[in-house]
Amino acid sequence: MKHDVWMGGQLMSDETTFDMKSLSFLVVDDEAFARGFAVKILERMGAGEITLASDGDEALAYLEIAEPRPDVLLVDIRMPGMNGIEMMRVLKEWGYGGAIILLSGLDENSVAVAEWIGKHRELNVLGSINKPLTPEALAGLLAGLG
């Protein structure tokens, strides 16, 4: 059985230990409440830099100029304008090498298809989390970074 524990901003896992302060995040969600909730969770977990975007277009505009690009993207699948699946297509074209965690309130099958699409595009999709985001679910996927 695998165990993931957060202690003082560090992920202590059966497989790895790393400092959350060393990670930068981009949270992409059209719902202001969901973005704010994600920020609170990431801050409590000791995350380093956290940037917010309200849709795929805004996220890509930021990623185009960001140096370095964020280590982890938390991306809502369903958003007006450019959604998470379309955003992953562009990320593949750009050669984005960071990790992606998909967020959604959709049914499990839709989320599984979106996750498969990202992995099929050879992106580093760590997995997906059904909303609402929880520290436990996020910690479980971030353990895959090690």
N, C-alpha and C. Protein backbone atom coordinates (compact mmCIF):
# COMPACT_ATOMS: atom_id res chain seq x y z
N MET A 1 0.84 -1.18 0.00
CA MET A 1 0.00 0.00 0.00
C MET A 1 0.89 1.25 0.00
N LYS A 2 0.57 2.19 -0.87
CA LYS A 2 1.34 3.41 -1.00
C LYS A 2 0.81 4.46 -0.02
N HIS A 3 1.71 5.22 0.59
CA HIS A 3 1.31 6.26 1.52
C HIS A 3 1.91 7.59 1.10
N ASP A 4 1.09 8.64 1.08
CA ASP A 4 1.55 10.00 0.79
C ASP A 4 1.18 10.87 1.98
N VAL A 5 2.15 11.58 2.52
CA VAL A 5 1.92 12.43 3.68
C VAL A 5 2.58 13.78 3.44
N TRP A 6 1.89 14.85 3.83
CA TRP A 6 2.46 16.20 3.74
C TRP A 6 2.96 16.61 5.10
N MET A 7 4.23 16.99 5.18
CA MET A 7 4.82 17.45 6.43
C MET A 7 5.65 18.68 6.15
N GLY A 8 5.26 19.81 6.70
CA GLY A 8 6.05 21.03 6.57
C GLY A 8 6.34 21.41 5.13
N GLY A 9 5.35 21.25 4.25
CA GLY A 9 5.54 21.62 2.86
C GLY A 9 6.31 20.61 2.04
N GLN A 10 6.51 19.41 2.58
CA GLN A 10 7.20 18.37 1.83
C GLN A 10 6.29 17.17 1.66
N LEU A 11 6.33 16.59 0.47
CA LEU A 11 5.60 15.36 0.23
C LEU A 11 6.50 14.20 0.62
N MET A 12 6.06 13.44 1.61
CA MET A 12 6.78 12.25 2.04
C MET A 12 5.97 11.07 1.53
N SER A 13 6.51 10.35 0.59
CA SER A 13 5.83 9.23 -0.03
C SER A 13 6.68 7.99 0.13
N ASP A 14 6.05 6.84 -0.06
CA ASP A 14 6.82 5.60 -0.08
C ASP A 14 7.84 5.63 -1.21
N GLU A 15 7.58 6.45 -2.24
CA GLU A 15 8.42 6.46 -3.43
C GLU A 15 9.34 7.67 -3.53
N THR A 16 8.96 8.80 -2.93
CA THR A 16 9.74 10.01 -3.15
C THR A 16 9.49 11.04 -2.05
N THR A 17 10.38 11.99 -1.94
CA THR A 17 10.20 13.15 -1.07
C THR A 17 10.65 14.37 -1.86
N PHE A 18 9.85 15.41 -1.88
CA PHE A 18 10.28 16.64 -2.52
C PHE A 18 9.65 17.83 -1.83
N ASP A 19 10.25 18.97 -2.04
CA ASP A 19 9.83 20.21 -1.42
C ASP A 19 8.82 20.92 -2.32
N MET A 20 7.61 21.13 -1.82
CA MET A 20 6.56 21.81 -2.59
C MET A 20 6.97 23.22 -2.97
N LYS A 21 7.80 23.88 -2.16
CA LYS A 21 8.21 25.25 -2.46
C LYS A 21 8.98 25.33 -3.77
N SER A 22 9.54 24.22 -4.20
CA SER A 22 10.32 24.21 -5.44
C SER A 22 9.43 24.09 -6.68
N LEU A 23 8.13 23.86 -6.49
CA LEU A 23 7.22 23.68 -7.62
C LEU A 23 6.40 24.93 -7.91
N SER A 24 6.24 25.22 -9.19
CA SER A 24 5.36 26.31 -9.61
C SER A 24 4.12 25.71 -10.27
N PHE A 25 2.99 26.37 -10.06
CA PHE A 25 1.70 25.86 -10.53
C PHE A 25 0.97 26.91 -11.35
N LEU A 26 0.22 26.44 -12.35
CA LEU A 26 -0.73 27.27 -13.07
C LEU A 26 -2.08 26.59 -12.93
N VAL A 27 -3.05 27.30 -12.33
CA VAL A 27 -4.40 26.79 -12.14
C VAL A 27 -5.28 27.40 -13.22
N VAL A 28 -5.90 26.55 -14.04
CA VAL A 28 -6.73 27.00 -15.16
C VAL A 28 -8.15 26.51 -14.93
N ASP A 29 -9.05 27.44 -14.59
CA ASP A 29 -10.44 27.09 -14.32
C ASP A 29 -11.30 28.32 -14.55
N ASP A 30 -12.45 28.14 -15.20
CA ASP A 30 -13.32 29.28 -15.48
C ASP A 30 -14.11 29.73 -14.25
N GLU A 31 -14.16 28.93 -13.21
CA GLU A 31 -14.89 29.29 -12.00
C GLU A 31 -13.96 29.94 -10.99
N ALA A 32 -14.24 31.19 -10.65
CA ALA A 32 -13.39 31.93 -9.70
C ALA A 32 -13.31 31.21 -8.36
N PHE A 33 -14.42 30.64 -7.90
CA PHE A 33 -14.42 29.93 -6.62
C PHE A 33 -13.46 28.74 -6.67
N ALA A 34 -13.50 27.98 -7.77
CA ALA A 34 -12.63 26.81 -7.90
C ALA A 34 -11.16 27.22 -7.94
N ARG A 35 -10.86 28.33 -8.63
CA ARG A 35 -9.47 28.82 -8.66
C ARG A 35 -9.02 29.21 -7.26
N GLY A 36 -9.86 29.95 -6.55
CA GLY A 36 -9.53 30.37 -5.19
C GLY A 36 -9.36 29.20 -4.24
N PHE A 37 -10.21 28.20 -4.39
CA PHE A 37 -10.13 27.00 -3.55
C PHE A 37 -8.82 26.26 -3.82
N ALA A 38 -8.44 26.16 -5.09
CA ALA A 38 -7.18 25.50 -5.45
C ALA A 38 -5.99 26.25 -4.85
N VAL A 39 -6.04 27.58 -4.89
CA VAL A 39 -4.95 28.39 -4.31
C VAL A 39 -4.82 28.10 -2.82
N LYS A 40 -5.94 28.07 -2.11
CA LYS A 40 -5.90 27.81 -0.66
C LYS A 40 -5.27 26.44 -0.38
N ILE A 41 -5.65 25.44 -1.14
CA ILE A 41 -5.08 24.10 -0.94
C ILE A 41 -3.59 24.10 -1.24
N LEU A 42 -3.20 24.69 -2.36
CA LEU A 42 -1.78 24.73 -2.73
C LEU A 42 -0.96 25.50 -1.70
N GLU A 43 -1.49 26.61 -1.22
CA GLU A 43 -0.77 27.39 -0.19
C GLU A 43 -0.60 26.58 1.09
N ARG A 44 -1.66 25.89 1.51
CA ARG A 44 -1.57 25.06 2.72
C ARG A 44 -0.57 23.94 2.56
N MET A 45 -0.41 23.46 1.33
CA MET A 45 0.54 22.39 1.06
C MET A 45 1.96 22.91 0.90
N GLY A 46 2.12 24.24 0.92
CA GLY A 46 3.45 24.83 0.84
C GLY A 46 3.97 25.06 -0.56
N ALA A 47 3.06 25.17 -1.54
CA ALA A 47 3.47 25.35 -2.94
C ALA A 47 4.26 26.64 -3.12
N GLY A 48 5.13 26.62 -4.11
CA GLY A 48 5.89 27.81 -4.48
C GLY A 48 4.99 28.78 -5.21
N GLU A 49 5.38 29.18 -6.40
CA GLU A 49 4.62 30.16 -7.19
C GLU A 49 3.32 29.56 -7.69
N ILE A 50 2.23 30.35 -7.59
CA ILE A 50 0.92 29.92 -8.08
C ILE A 50 0.38 31.03 -8.98
N THR A 51 0.06 30.68 -10.22
CA THR A 51 -0.50 31.62 -11.18
C THR A 51 -1.89 31.12 -11.56
N LEU A 52 -2.79 32.05 -11.89
CA LEU A 52 -4.17 31.69 -12.21
C LEU A 52 -4.54 32.13 -13.62
N ALA A 53 -5.38 31.34 -14.27
CA ALA A 53 -5.95 31.69 -15.57
C ALA A 53 -7.40 31.23 -15.59
N SER A 54 -8.26 32.00 -16.27
CA SER A 54 -9.68 31.70 -16.26
C SER A 54 -10.14 30.84 -17.44
N ASP A 55 -9.27 30.58 -18.40
CA ASP A 55 -9.60 29.67 -19.50
C ASP A 55 -8.32 29.27 -20.23
N GLY A 56 -8.48 28.41 -21.21
CA GLY A 56 -7.32 27.91 -21.94
C GLY A 56 -6.57 28.99 -22.69
N ASP A 57 -7.30 29.93 -23.28
CA ASP A 57 -6.65 31.02 -24.03
C ASP A 57 -5.77 31.86 -23.12
N GLU A 58 -6.30 32.21 -21.95
CA GLU A 58 -5.53 33.02 -20.99
C GLU A 58 -4.31 32.24 -20.49
N ALA A 59 -4.50 30.95 -20.26
CA ALA A 59 -3.39 30.12 -19.80
C ALA A 59 -2.28 30.05 -20.85
N LEU A 60 -2.66 29.86 -22.10
CA LEU A 60 -1.65 29.76 -23.17
C LEU A 60 -0.94 31.09 -23.38
N ALA A 61 -1.67 32.20 -23.24
CA ALA A 61 -1.03 33.52 -23.36
C ALA A 61 0.04 33.68 -22.28
N TYR A 62 -0.26 33.21 -21.07
CA TYR A 62 0.73 33.26 -19.99
C TYR A 62 1.90 32.32 -20.29
N LEU A 63 1.59 31.09 -20.68
CA LEU A 63 2.64 30.10 -20.92
C LEU A 63 3.58 30.51 -22.05
N GLU A 64 3.06 31.29 -22.99
CA GLU A 64 3.87 31.74 -24.12
C GLU A 64 5.02 32.63 -23.67
N ILE A 65 4.80 33.38 -22.58
CA ILE A 65 5.83 34.33 -22.11
C ILE A 65 6.51 33.90 -20.82
N ALA A 66 5.97 32.88 -20.16
CA ALA A 66 6.51 32.46 -18.85
C ALA A 66 7.89 31.83 -19.01
N GLU A 67 8.82 32.29 -18.20
CA GLU A 67 10.17 31.70 -18.15
C GLU A 67 10.60 31.58 -16.70
N PRO A 68 10.77 30.43 -16.18
CA PRO A 68 10.44 29.15 -16.81
C PRO A 68 8.94 28.90 -16.77
N ARG A 69 8.49 27.94 -17.55
CA ARG A 69 7.08 27.57 -17.52
C ARG A 69 6.78 26.84 -16.21
N PRO A 70 5.53 26.91 -15.75
CA PRO A 70 5.17 26.22 -14.50
C PRO A 70 5.46 24.72 -14.58
N ASP A 71 5.77 24.16 -13.42
CA ASP A 71 6.04 22.72 -13.32
C ASP A 71 4.78 21.89 -13.46
N VAL A 72 3.67 22.41 -12.91
CA VAL A 72 2.42 21.64 -12.88
C VAL A 72 1.27 22.54 -13.31
N LEU A 73 0.44 22.02 -14.22
CA LEU A 73 -0.78 22.70 -14.63
C LEU A 73 -1.96 21.94 -14.04
N LEU A 74 -2.84 22.67 -13.35
CA LEU A 74 -4.12 22.10 -12.90
C LEU A 74 -5.15 22.66 -13.86
N VAL A 75 -5.73 21.82 -14.71
CA VAL A 75 -6.55 22.28 -15.83
C VAL A 75 -7.96 21.70 -15.76
N ASP A 76 -8.95 22.59 -15.72
CA ASP A 76 -10.34 22.17 -15.81
C ASP A 76 -10.58 21.67 -17.23
N ILE A 77 -11.29 20.59 -17.37
CA ILE A 77 -11.55 20.03 -18.69
C ILE A 77 -12.58 20.86 -19.44
N ARG A 78 -13.65 21.26 -18.75
CA ARG A 78 -14.77 21.92 -19.41
C ARG A 78 -14.78 23.40 -19.03
N MET A 79 -14.45 24.24 -20.04
CA MET A 79 -14.45 25.69 -19.86
C MET A 79 -14.97 26.32 -21.13
N PRO A 80 -15.59 27.51 -21.02
CA PRO A 80 -15.96 28.22 -22.24
C PRO A 80 -14.70 28.66 -22.98
N GLY A 81 -14.83 28.92 -24.26
CA GLY A 81 -13.65 29.28 -25.03
C GLY A 81 -12.82 28.03 -25.24
N MET A 82 -11.53 28.13 -25.01
CA MET A 82 -10.65 26.97 -25.17
C MET A 82 -10.74 26.09 -23.93
N ASN A 83 -11.20 24.86 -24.12
CA ASN A 83 -11.32 23.94 -22.99
C ASN A 83 -10.01 23.20 -22.75
N GLY A 84 -10.01 22.35 -21.74
CA GLY A 84 -8.79 21.66 -21.35
C GLY A 84 -8.25 20.71 -22.41
N ILE A 85 -9.14 20.06 -23.16
CA ILE A 85 -8.69 19.13 -24.20
C ILE A 85 -8.03 19.89 -25.34
N GLU A 86 -8.64 21.00 -25.76
CA GLU A 86 -8.03 21.83 -26.81
C GLU A 86 -6.70 22.40 -26.34
N MET A 87 -6.64 22.78 -25.08
CA MET A 87 -5.41 23.32 -24.52
C MET A 87 -4.29 22.28 -24.57
N MET A 88 -4.62 21.02 -24.27
CA MET A 88 -3.60 19.96 -24.33
C MET A 88 -3.07 19.78 -25.75
N ARG A 89 -3.91 19.97 -26.76
CA ARG A 89 -3.45 19.87 -28.15
C ARG A 89 -2.36 20.89 -28.42
N VAL A 90 -2.58 22.13 -27.97
CA VAL A 90 -1.59 23.19 -28.17
C VAL A 90 -0.33 22.91 -27.35
N LEU A 91 -0.50 22.44 -26.12
CA LEU A 91 0.66 22.12 -25.28
C LEU A 91 1.53 21.06 -25.95
N LYS A 92 0.91 20.09 -26.60
CA LYS A 92 1.67 19.07 -27.32
C LYS A 92 2.47 19.72 -28.45
N GLU A 93 1.83 20.62 -29.22
CA GLU A 93 2.51 21.32 -30.32
C GLU A 93 3.70 22.12 -29.81
N TRP A 94 3.56 22.70 -28.63
CA TRP A 94 4.62 23.52 -28.04
C TRP A 94 5.71 22.68 -27.38
N GLY A 95 5.46 21.40 -27.18
CA GLY A 95 6.44 20.56 -26.51
C GLY A 95 6.51 20.79 -25.01
N TYR A 96 5.37 21.14 -24.40
CA TYR A 96 5.34 21.36 -22.95
C TYR A 96 5.77 20.09 -22.22
N GLY A 97 6.74 20.21 -21.33
CA GLY A 97 7.28 19.04 -20.64
C GLY A 97 6.87 18.92 -19.19
N GLY A 98 6.09 19.86 -18.68
CA GLY A 98 5.67 19.79 -17.28
C GLY A 98 4.53 18.80 -17.07
N ALA A 99 4.08 18.72 -15.84
CA ALA A 99 3.01 17.80 -15.47
C ALA A 99 1.65 18.48 -15.62
N ILE A 100 0.64 17.67 -15.92
CA ILE A 100 -0.73 18.16 -16.06
C ILE A 100 -1.64 17.31 -15.18
N ILE A 101 -2.48 17.99 -14.41
CA ILE A 101 -3.53 17.33 -13.64
C ILE A 101 -4.85 17.90 -14.13
N LEU A 102 -5.74 17.02 -14.56
CA LEU A 102 -7.04 17.45 -15.07
C LEU A 102 -8.05 17.52 -13.93
N LEU A 103 -8.87 18.56 -13.95
CA LEU A 103 -9.92 18.76 -12.95
C LEU A 103 -11.26 18.75 -13.67
N SER A 104 -12.28 18.18 -13.04
CA SER A 104 -13.58 18.18 -13.70
C SER A 104 -14.71 17.80 -12.77
N GLY A 105 -15.88 18.28 -13.15
CA GLY A 105 -17.11 17.87 -12.50
C GLY A 105 -17.90 16.95 -13.41
N LEU A 106 -17.30 16.54 -14.53
CA LEU A 106 -17.96 15.66 -15.49
C LEU A 106 -18.01 14.23 -14.96
N ASP A 107 -18.76 13.38 -15.66
CA ASP A 107 -18.84 11.97 -15.27
C ASP A 107 -17.49 11.28 -15.48
N GLU A 108 -17.32 10.14 -14.82
CA GLU A 108 -16.05 9.42 -14.83
C GLU A 108 -15.59 9.04 -16.24
N ASN A 109 -16.52 8.63 -17.11
CA ASN A 109 -16.15 8.23 -18.47
C ASN A 109 -15.58 9.41 -19.25
N SER A 110 -16.20 10.57 -19.14
CA SER A 110 -15.71 11.76 -19.85
C SER A 110 -14.33 12.15 -19.35
N VAL A 111 -14.13 12.07 -18.06
CA VAL A 111 -12.83 12.41 -17.47
C VAL A 111 -11.77 11.40 -17.92
N ALA A 112 -12.13 10.12 -17.95
CA ALA A 112 -11.20 9.08 -18.39
C ALA A 112 -10.79 9.29 -19.85
N VAL A 113 -11.73 9.69 -20.69
CA VAL A 113 -11.42 9.96 -22.10
C VAL A 113 -10.47 11.14 -22.21
N ALA A 114 -10.73 12.21 -21.46
CA ALA A 114 -9.85 13.39 -21.50
C ALA A 114 -8.44 13.03 -21.03
N GLU A 115 -8.35 12.23 -19.99
CA GLU A 115 -7.05 11.79 -19.48
C GLU A 115 -6.32 10.96 -20.53
N TRP A 116 -7.05 10.05 -21.19
CA TRP A 116 -6.47 9.21 -22.24
C TRP A 116 -5.96 10.07 -23.39
N ILE A 117 -6.73 11.09 -23.78
CA ILE A 117 -6.32 11.98 -24.88
C ILE A 117 -4.98 12.64 -24.54
N GLY A 118 -4.86 13.15 -23.32
CA GLY A 118 -3.61 13.80 -22.92
C GLY A 118 -2.44 12.84 -22.94
N LYS A 119 -2.64 11.65 -22.42
CA LYS A 119 -1.56 10.65 -22.41
C LYS A 119 -1.24 10.17 -23.83
N HIS A 120 -2.27 10.04 -24.66
CA HIS A 120 -2.07 9.64 -26.06
C HIS A 120 -1.24 10.68 -26.81
N ARG A 121 -1.38 11.93 -26.42
CA ARG A 121 -0.58 13.01 -27.02
C ARG A 121 0.82 13.07 -26.41
N GLU A 122 1.13 12.11 -25.58
CA GLU A 122 2.43 11.99 -24.93
C GLU A 122 2.75 13.17 -24.02
N LEU A 123 1.71 13.71 -23.41
CA LEU A 123 1.88 14.73 -22.38
C LEU A 123 2.01 14.02 -21.03
N ASN A 124 2.63 14.69 -20.08
CA ASN A 124 2.83 14.12 -18.75
C ASN A 124 1.57 14.35 -17.89
N VAL A 125 0.49 13.65 -18.24
CA VAL A 125 -0.75 13.75 -17.48
C VAL A 125 -0.64 12.82 -16.28
N LEU A 126 -0.58 13.43 -15.09
CA LEU A 126 -0.45 12.64 -13.86
C LEU A 126 -1.74 11.93 -13.51
N GLY A 127 -2.88 12.48 -13.96
CA GLY A 127 -4.17 11.90 -13.66
C GLY A 127 -5.23 12.98 -13.61
N SER A 128 -6.37 12.63 -13.05
CA SER A 128 -7.48 13.57 -12.97
C SER A 128 -8.10 13.53 -11.58
N ILE A 129 -8.74 14.63 -11.25
CA ILE A 129 -9.41 14.76 -9.95
C ILE A 129 -10.81 15.28 -10.21
N ASN A 130 -11.81 14.56 -9.68
CA ASN A 130 -13.17 15.06 -9.75
C ASN A 130 -13.33 16.18 -8.74
N LYS A 131 -13.96 17.28 -9.16
CA LYS A 131 -14.19 18.40 -8.26
C LYS A 131 -15.15 17.97 -7.17
N PRO A 132 -15.00 18.50 -5.98
CA PRO A 132 -14.04 19.52 -5.58
C PRO A 132 -12.64 18.93 -5.33
N LEU A 133 -11.64 19.74 -5.61
CA LEU A 133 -10.25 19.39 -5.36
C LEU A 133 -10.04 19.16 -3.87
N THR A 134 -9.27 18.13 -3.53
CA THR A 134 -8.92 17.89 -2.13
C THR A 134 -7.40 17.76 -2.01
N PRO A 135 -6.84 18.11 -0.84
CA PRO A 135 -5.39 17.95 -0.66
C PRO A 135 -4.95 16.50 -0.83
N GLU A 136 -5.77 15.56 -0.38
CA GLU A 136 -5.41 14.15 -0.47
C GLU A 136 -5.31 13.69 -1.92
N ALA A 137 -6.29 14.08 -2.73
CA ALA A 137 -6.27 13.69 -4.14
C ALA A 137 -5.09 14.33 -4.86
N LEU A 138 -4.84 15.59 -4.56
CA LEU A 138 -3.72 16.29 -5.19
C LEU A 138 -2.39 15.67 -4.77
N ALA A 139 -2.24 15.37 -3.49
CA ALA A 139 -1.01 14.75 -3.00
C ALA A 139 -0.76 13.41 -3.68
N GLY A 140 -1.82 12.64 -3.85
CA GLY A 140 -1.68 11.34 -4.50
C GLY A 140 -1.14 11.45 -5.91
N LEU A 141 -1.61 12.45 -6.66
CA LEU A 141 -1.13 12.63 -8.04
C LEU A 141 0.25 13.26 -8.08
N LEU A 142 0.51 14.21 -7.19
CA LEU A 142 1.83 14.86 -7.18
C LEU A 142 2.93 13.88 -6.81
N ALA A 143 2.58 12.83 -6.09
CA ALA A 143 3.58 11.81 -5.76
C ALA A 143 4.16 11.18 -7.02
N GLY A 144 3.41 11.26 -8.12
CA GLY A 144 3.89 10.74 -9.40
C GLY A 144 5.00 11.57 -10.02
N LEU A 145 5.31 12.73 -9.45
CA LEU A 145 6.39 13.57 -9.97
C LEU A 145 7.76 13.00 -9.65
N GLY A 146 7.85 12.26 -8.56
CA GLY A 146 9.14 11.75 -8.11
C GLY A 146 9.57 10.61 -8.93
